[in-house]
Amino acid sequence: MRLSVVMLATVCAFTFAHAAFAESAPAIGSVPDPGLQSDAGRKDRVPPKKQARAVTKFDTLDDEIVDLPQQGKQYPNFDLRLIAGSTDETIERLVYDISVNRLPAGKAEFELKRLEKYGKATNPVPVFAASMTTRSNRAMSLMYEVRDRVSSIFDAKGGFSRVFSMDRREGESRVAERITFNYDKDSISALYERPRQDEDKDAKWISSTIQMTGKAVDPLAALYFMRSNAINLKNIVPGKTKAAITLPVCSDRHVWNTRMYAVGLDHIDIGTFKNRECLIVEVDAPFRGLFEHVGKTRVWFDVEKGVVVKMTAEIPIGPAEAILNLDESKNSPLHVK
């Protein structure tokens, strides 16, 4: 009896509530359709989209290759400013101490000499022969062995490359290439050769032709070309938005516009030479280069002589640094007045 009374009360309460809601709610169709609602009220609450920043990216393969500065109307007094000779007493030899993660890692040695008669016997030309040898020390070799050998023969008057070869062995990586440049009037090109490693241990070389629009330098010759009076480091104002120097560098099966950005000035001590003014250049090289690296390389060029005094780069095992050791070098440009 008591349960029946409770159930009856519940039903009555629900019925009265439903009736009250029906009286207060408008009849269907009695209120006009408001149509599409404006978003004006929401604009203050929804943050506007940020405008995308334009990203400048060079399509290196479709780039119009720049001309290499040469003697002419633009550079009537063009001079490489290299004084190395052919005898052992006059050969320039620069030695760099290499450290990785701030620990001694090895040495890099650059040698430069001049040859007065190179090429065909009927028409020999003066050239410079440059070489770079890099070796890791015993402790570093246990973790990451480096055995690099690079050589370049470039014109003594114009600085453009004639022959280039590179054999880099760093860790488990090996990079090798040979380039022979041809500057005939009818066809300017380069014969490019690289090894193709088959299943056997003998590396077979395959070749291809690189069509060029003008004279170019290889990665090693480019370092020496930076000493020429066509590239006046004293007049370069640091700035990261525009390349201060662009050179046509032939390597890795193409000729690349190699852009160098002047990112700052520095004053450092090099042996007994104190407070030398240096231009810090960040190299944007789209090819593999003289050593295995990750990202861009920074080079400290002595403003007065144009010689490299310091270099930093990120390599597969950490940050690396190379600093000119004048005590072990010979006939350094810094010693020449």
Protein backbone atom coordinates (compact mmCIF):
# COMPACT_ATOMS: atom_id res chain seq x y z
CA MET A 1 0.00 0.00 0.00
CA ARG A 2 2.80 2.41 0.98
CA LEU A 3 4.78 1.57 -2.25
CA SER A 4 1.71 2.29 -4.38
CA VAL A 5 1.30 5.77 -2.83
CA VAL A 6 4.97 6.65 -3.57
CA MET A 7 4.73 5.54 -7.19
CA LEU A 8 1.50 7.54 -7.67
CA ALA A 9 3.19 10.70 -6.28
CA THR A 10 6.16 10.31 -8.61
CA VAL A 11 3.95 9.98 -11.70
CA CYS A 12 1.95 13.08 -10.74
CA ALA A 13 5.13 15.16 -10.23
CA PHE A 14 6.52 14.18 -13.64
CA THR A 15 3.18 15.00 -15.33
CA PHE A 16 3.00 18.51 -13.78
CA ALA A 17 6.62 19.28 -14.70
CA HIS A 18 6.12 18.26 -18.33
CA ALA A 19 3.00 20.41 -18.58
CA ALA A 20 4.83 23.45 -17.16
CA PHE A 21 7.66 23.07 -19.73
CA ALA A 22 5.13 22.75 -22.59
CA GLU A 23 3.41 26.01 -21.58
CA SER A 24 6.71 27.97 -21.37
CA ALA A 25 8.23 26.64 -24.62
CA PRO A 26 7.19 28.41 -27.85
CA ALA A 27 5.22 26.47 -30.38
CA ILE A 28 7.08 25.05 -33.35
CA GLY A 29 7.00 27.53 -36.22
CA SER A 30 6.07 30.51 -34.00
CA VAL A 31 9.68 31.80 -33.89
CA PRO A 32 11.23 32.92 -37.22
CA ASP A 33 14.35 31.12 -38.54
CA PRO A 34 17.39 33.21 -37.50
CA GLY A 35 19.31 32.08 -40.61
CA LEU A 36 23.11 31.75 -40.71
CA GLN A 37 24.73 33.21 -37.62
CA SER A 38 27.54 35.74 -38.00
CA ASP A 39 31.04 34.85 -36.78
CA ALA A 40 31.64 38.42 -35.70
CA GLY A 41 31.32 37.60 -32.06
CA ARG A 42 33.99 34.95 -32.25
CA LYS A 43 36.73 36.94 -33.95
CA ASP A 44 37.96 38.32 -30.69
CA ARG A 45 38.30 34.83 -29.28
CA VAL A 46 40.00 33.12 -32.23
CA PRO A 47 43.63 34.30 -32.77
CA PRO A 48 44.39 35.29 -36.38
CA LYS A 49 46.73 33.11 -38.37
CA LYS A 50 50.33 34.23 -38.43
CA GLN A 51 51.70 35.18 -41.81
CA ALA A 52 54.21 32.60 -43.01
CA ARG A 53 57.80 33.82 -43.30
CA ALA A 54 59.39 33.59 -46.70
CA VAL A 55 62.23 31.08 -46.75
CA THR A 56 65.02 31.66 -49.24
CA LYS A 57 66.36 28.36 -50.54
CA PHE A 58 68.69 28.04 -53.49
CA ASP A 59 68.09 25.33 -56.06
CA THR A 60 71.76 24.54 -56.42
CA LEU A 61 71.44 22.32 -59.47
CA ASP A 62 69.53 24.96 -61.47
CA ASP A 63 71.71 27.86 -60.33
CA GLU A 64 73.34 30.04 -62.94
CA ILE A 65 77.00 29.43 -62.18
CA VAL A 66 78.97 32.54 -61.31
CA ASP A 67 82.15 33.49 -63.13
CA LEU A 68 85.50 32.99 -61.46
CA PRO A 69 87.28 36.36 -61.05
CA GLN A 70 90.05 36.61 -63.64
CA GLN A 71 92.44 39.20 -64.98
CA GLY A 72 90.58 41.64 -67.21
CA LYS A 73 88.74 44.94 -67.09
CA GLN A 74 87.22 44.13 -63.71
CA TYR A 75 90.52 42.92 -62.21
CA PRO A 76 93.34 44.46 -64.28
CA ASN A 77 95.96 43.73 -61.60
CA PHE A 78 94.75 40.25 -60.66
CA ASP A 79 97.25 38.43 -58.45
CA LEU A 80 96.95 35.19 -56.48
CA ARG A 81 99.52 36.53 -53.98
CA LEU A 82 101.15 33.11 -53.62
CA ILE A 83 104.94 33.11 -53.29
CA ALA A 84 105.77 29.41 -52.85
CA GLY A 85 108.63 28.13 -55.02
CA SER A 86 109.72 24.76 -56.37
CA THR A 87 112.60 24.03 -54.03
CA ASP A 88 112.32 22.58 -50.55
CA GLU A 89 113.52 25.88 -49.13
CA THR A 90 110.68 27.81 -50.78
CA ILE A 91 107.78 25.34 -50.46
CA GLU A 92 104.99 26.60 -48.26
CA ARG A 93 103.96 24.11 -45.58
CA LEU A 94 101.13 24.89 -43.13
CA VAL A 95 100.38 22.52 -40.24
CA TYR A 96 97.13 22.59 -38.29
CA ASP A 97 96.44 20.99 -34.90
CA ILE A 98 93.08 19.20 -34.90
CA SER A 99 90.99 18.65 -31.79
CA VAL A 100 87.65 16.86 -31.39
CA ASN A 101 85.53 17.49 -28.32
CA ARG A 102 88.49 19.62 -27.13
CA LEU A 103 90.83 16.63 -27.14
CA PRO A 104 93.91 16.32 -29.43
CA ALA A 105 92.85 14.33 -32.48
CA GLY A 106 95.49 14.68 -35.19
CA LYS A 107 97.20 16.90 -37.76
CA ALA A 108 96.39 18.41 -41.14
CA GLU A 109 99.26 19.47 -43.40
CA PHE A 110 98.91 21.73 -46.44
CA GLU A 111 101.83 21.92 -48.87
CA LEU A 112 102.16 24.32 -51.80
CA LYS A 113 104.85 24.54 -54.46
CA ARG A 114 105.17 26.13 -57.88
CA LEU A 115 105.92 24.30 -61.13
CA GLU A 116 106.98 26.42 -64.08
CA LYS A 117 106.36 23.88 -66.82
CA TYR A 118 103.24 21.76 -66.65
CA GLY A 119 101.20 20.12 -69.38
CA LYS A 120 102.02 19.63 -73.03
CA ALA A 121 105.66 19.91 -73.99
CA THR A 122 104.77 22.27 -76.84
CA ASN A 123 102.88 24.67 -74.59
CA PRO A 124 103.75 24.23 -70.89
CA VAL A 125 102.12 26.51 -68.36
CA PRO A 126 103.11 27.56 -64.82
CA VAL A 127 100.98 26.02 -62.08
CA PHE A 128 100.81 25.58 -58.34
CA ALA A 129 100.67 22.06 -56.92
CA ALA A 130 98.86 21.84 -53.58
CA SER A 131 98.26 18.88 -51.32
CA MET A 132 96.43 18.27 -48.06
CA THR A 133 97.16 15.31 -45.79
CA THR A 134 95.08 14.64 -42.67
CA ARG A 135 95.88 11.96 -40.11
CA SER A 136 94.25 11.11 -36.79
CA ASN A 137 96.51 10.37 -33.85
CA ARG A 138 96.75 6.96 -32.21
CA ALA A 139 94.16 7.62 -29.51
CA MET A 140 91.59 9.04 -31.95
CA SER A 141 92.20 6.26 -34.47
CA LEU A 142 90.94 3.70 -31.95
CA MET A 143 87.53 5.35 -32.19
CA TYR A 144 87.53 7.19 -35.53
CA GLU A 145 90.47 6.77 -37.89
CA VAL A 146 91.16 9.46 -40.47
CA ARG A 147 93.44 8.99 -43.48
CA ASP A 148 92.84 11.75 -46.04
CA ARG A 149 94.86 12.70 -49.10
CA VAL A 150 93.82 15.54 -51.40
CA SER A 151 95.80 17.17 -54.23
CA SER A 152 95.18 19.98 -56.67
CA ILE A 153 97.02 21.50 -59.60
CA PHE A 154 95.78 24.99 -60.46
CA ASP A 155 96.88 27.72 -62.82
CA ALA A 156 99.58 30.00 -61.41
CA LYS A 157 98.18 33.10 -63.13
CA GLY A 158 94.41 32.60 -62.94
CA GLY A 159 93.97 30.24 -60.01
CA PHE A 160 91.52 28.00 -61.88
CA SER A 161 91.85 24.23 -61.46
CA ARG A 162 93.49 21.87 -63.92
CA VAL A 163 93.59 18.54 -62.02
CA PHE A 164 92.06 17.47 -58.72
CA SER A 165 92.04 14.21 -56.78
CA MET A 166 90.70 13.23 -53.39
CA ASP A 167 90.81 10.06 -51.32
CA ARG A 168 89.10 10.47 -47.95
CA ARG A 169 88.93 7.64 -45.41
CA GLU A 170 87.18 8.70 -42.23
CA GLY A 171 85.68 6.12 -39.91
CA GLU A 172 83.63 3.77 -42.08
CA SER A 173 83.21 6.38 -44.82
CA ARG A 174 85.28 6.58 -47.99
CA VAL A 175 84.99 9.31 -50.62
CA ALA A 176 87.20 9.35 -53.70
CA GLU A 177 87.10 11.35 -56.93
CA ARG A 178 89.34 12.55 -59.76
CA ILE A 179 88.67 15.57 -61.97
CA THR A 180 90.57 16.62 -65.09
CA PHE A 181 89.63 20.06 -66.42
CA ASN A 182 89.52 20.96 -70.10
CA TYR A 183 89.47 24.63 -71.12
CA ASP A 184 89.43 24.30 -74.89
CA LYS A 185 87.69 27.19 -76.60
CA ASP A 186 85.19 24.94 -78.33
CA SER A 187 84.25 22.89 -75.28
CA ILE A 188 84.83 23.76 -71.63
CA SER A 189 84.26 20.65 -69.55
CA ALA A 190 85.67 18.36 -66.89
CA LEU A 191 86.21 14.61 -66.86
CA TYR A 192 84.84 13.32 -63.57
CA GLU A 193 85.85 9.91 -62.21
CA ARG A 194 84.77 8.06 -59.08
CA PRO A 195 85.14 4.47 -57.88
CA ARG A 196 82.28 2.01 -58.04
CA GLN A 197 82.71 -0.60 -55.36
CA ASP A 198 81.67 -4.06 -56.57
CA GLU A 199 81.46 -7.26 -54.61
CA ASP A 200 85.20 -7.83 -54.96
CA LYS A 201 87.76 -5.65 -53.23
CA ASP A 202 88.97 -3.92 -56.40
CA ALA A 203 87.36 -0.52 -56.97
CA LYS A 204 86.43 0.11 -60.61
CA TRP A 205 86.37 3.72 -61.69
CA ILE A 206 83.46 5.08 -63.69
CA SER A 207 83.60 8.39 -65.54
CA SER A 208 81.23 11.13 -66.69
CA THR A 209 81.55 14.55 -68.29
CA ILE A 210 80.70 17.77 -66.50
CA GLN A 211 79.73 20.57 -68.89
CA MET A 212 80.97 23.93 -67.63
CA THR A 213 80.14 27.51 -68.58
CA GLY A 214 83.49 28.89 -67.47
CA LYS A 215 86.56 28.32 -65.37
CA ALA A 216 86.19 26.82 -61.90
CA VAL A 217 88.14 25.82 -58.81
CA ASP A 218 88.17 22.59 -56.84
CA PRO A 219 87.63 22.51 -53.04
CA LEU A 220 91.35 22.71 -52.23
CA ALA A 221 92.23 25.34 -54.85
CA ALA A 222 89.36 27.46 -53.52
CA LEU A 223 91.21 27.95 -50.21
CA TYR A 224 94.24 29.33 -52.03
CA PHE A 225 92.08 31.44 -54.35
CA MET A 226 90.78 33.25 -51.26
CA ARG A 227 94.22 34.87 -50.96
CA SER A 228 93.94 36.61 -54.34
CA ASN A 229 93.54 40.37 -54.50
CA ALA A 230 90.24 39.83 -56.37
CA ILE A 231 88.76 38.92 -52.97
CA ASN A 232 89.62 41.83 -50.73
CA LEU A 233 88.77 40.63 -47.24
CA LYS A 234 89.42 44.09 -45.80
CA ASN A 235 86.41 45.54 -47.64
CA ILE A 236 83.92 42.84 -46.62
CA VAL A 237 81.32 43.94 -44.07
CA PRO A 238 79.92 41.06 -41.98
CA GLY A 239 76.30 40.20 -42.67
CA LYS A 240 74.30 36.96 -42.66
CA THR A 241 71.57 37.83 -45.17
CA LYS A 242 73.68 37.93 -48.33
CA ALA A 243 76.69 35.89 -49.41
CA ALA A 244 79.87 37.97 -49.26
CA ILE A 245 81.74 35.66 -51.65
CA THR A 246 80.53 33.09 -54.19
CA LEU A 247 82.94 30.81 -56.04
CA PRO A 248 82.24 28.17 -58.73
CA VAL A 249 83.56 24.96 -57.13
CA CYS A 250 83.71 21.69 -59.07
CA SER A 251 83.24 18.53 -57.01
CA ASP A 252 80.76 15.71 -56.47
CA ARG A 253 79.76 15.49 -60.18
CA HIS A 254 78.75 19.16 -60.57
CA VAL A 255 79.94 22.75 -60.53
CA TRP A 256 78.37 24.41 -57.51
CA ASN A 257 77.91 28.02 -56.52
CA THR A 258 79.63 27.90 -53.15
CA ARG A 259 78.36 30.76 -51.03
CA MET A 260 80.37 32.17 -48.15
CA TYR A 261 78.73 34.38 -45.56
CA ALA A 262 80.78 36.81 -43.48
CA VAL A 263 79.35 36.23 -40.00
CA GLY A 264 81.75 38.31 -37.93
CA LEU A 265 85.19 39.64 -37.11
CA ASP A 266 87.58 38.25 -34.54
CA HIS A 267 91.04 39.05 -33.16
CA ILE A 268 93.11 36.03 -32.17
CA ASP A 269 96.71 35.20 -31.32
CA ILE A 270 98.58 32.91 -33.72
CA GLY A 271 101.92 31.93 -32.27
CA THR A 272 103.97 35.06 -31.83
CA PHE A 273 101.52 37.07 -33.93
CA LYS A 274 99.19 38.77 -31.50
CA ASN A 275 95.70 40.15 -32.05
CA ARG A 276 95.44 39.23 -35.73
CA GLU A 277 92.23 40.49 -37.33
CA CYS A 278 90.27 37.63 -38.88
CA LEU A 279 87.11 37.48 -40.95
CA ILE A 280 84.84 34.61 -39.89
CA VAL A 281 83.22 33.01 -42.93
CA GLU A 282 80.46 30.43 -42.85
CA VAL A 283 80.70 28.16 -45.90
CA ASP A 284 77.49 26.86 -47.42
CA ALA A 285 78.88 24.02 -49.53
CA PRO A 286 76.27 21.76 -51.20
CA PHE A 287 78.94 19.10 -51.91
CA ARG A 288 80.79 16.71 -49.58
CA GLY A 289 83.98 18.77 -49.30
CA LEU A 290 87.48 18.11 -48.00
CA PHE A 291 86.31 16.24 -44.89
CA GLU A 292 83.26 14.51 -43.50
CA HIS A 293 81.06 17.09 -41.80
CA VAL A 294 77.53 17.66 -40.57
CA GLY A 295 76.14 21.10 -41.34
CA LYS A 296 78.13 24.19 -42.21
CA THR A 297 81.79 24.96 -41.67
CA ARG A 298 83.25 28.16 -40.26
CA VAL A 299 86.65 29.44 -41.38
CA TRP A 300 88.79 32.21 -39.86
CA PHE A 301 90.70 34.01 -42.66
CA ASP A 302 93.53 36.37 -41.74
CA VAL A 303 92.29 39.67 -43.19
CA GLU A 304 95.72 40.88 -44.30
CA LYS A 305 97.12 37.66 -45.81
CA GLY A 306 93.97 35.67 -46.62
CA VAL A 307 95.40 32.49 -45.10
CA VAL A 308 93.23 30.15 -43.03
CA VAL A 309 94.21 30.36 -39.36
CA LYS A 310 91.30 28.48 -37.80
CA MET A 311 88.43 26.22 -38.83
CA THR A 312 85.50 24.70 -36.96
CA ALA A 313 82.97 22.08 -38.04
CA GLU A 314 80.65 19.44 -36.67
CA ILE A 315 81.85 15.97 -37.68
CA PRO A 316 80.10 12.62 -37.04
CA ILE A 317 81.76 12.17 -33.64
CA GLY A 318 81.46 15.73 -32.31
CA PRO A 319 82.67 19.33 -32.73
CA ALA A 320 86.09 19.62 -34.40
CA GLU A 321 88.55 22.50 -34.54
CA ALA A 322 91.74 23.07 -36.54
CA ILE A 323 94.21 25.82 -35.56
CA LEU A 324 97.32 26.90 -37.45
CA ASN A 325 100.53 25.81 -35.72
CA LEU A 326 103.24 28.26 -36.80
CA ASP A 327 106.00 26.43 -34.94
CA GLU A 328 105.58 23.37 -37.17
CA SER A 329 104.77 25.33 -40.34
CA LYS A 330 107.28 26.56 -42.90
CA ASN A 331 107.30 29.69 -45.06
CA SER A 332 103.96 30.82 -43.65
CA PRO A 333 102.46 33.88 -45.38
CA LEU A 334 102.26 35.53 -41.96
CA HIS A 335 106.05 35.67 -41.88
CA VAL A 336 106.25 37.44 -45.24
CA LYS A 337 106.13 41.23 -45.14
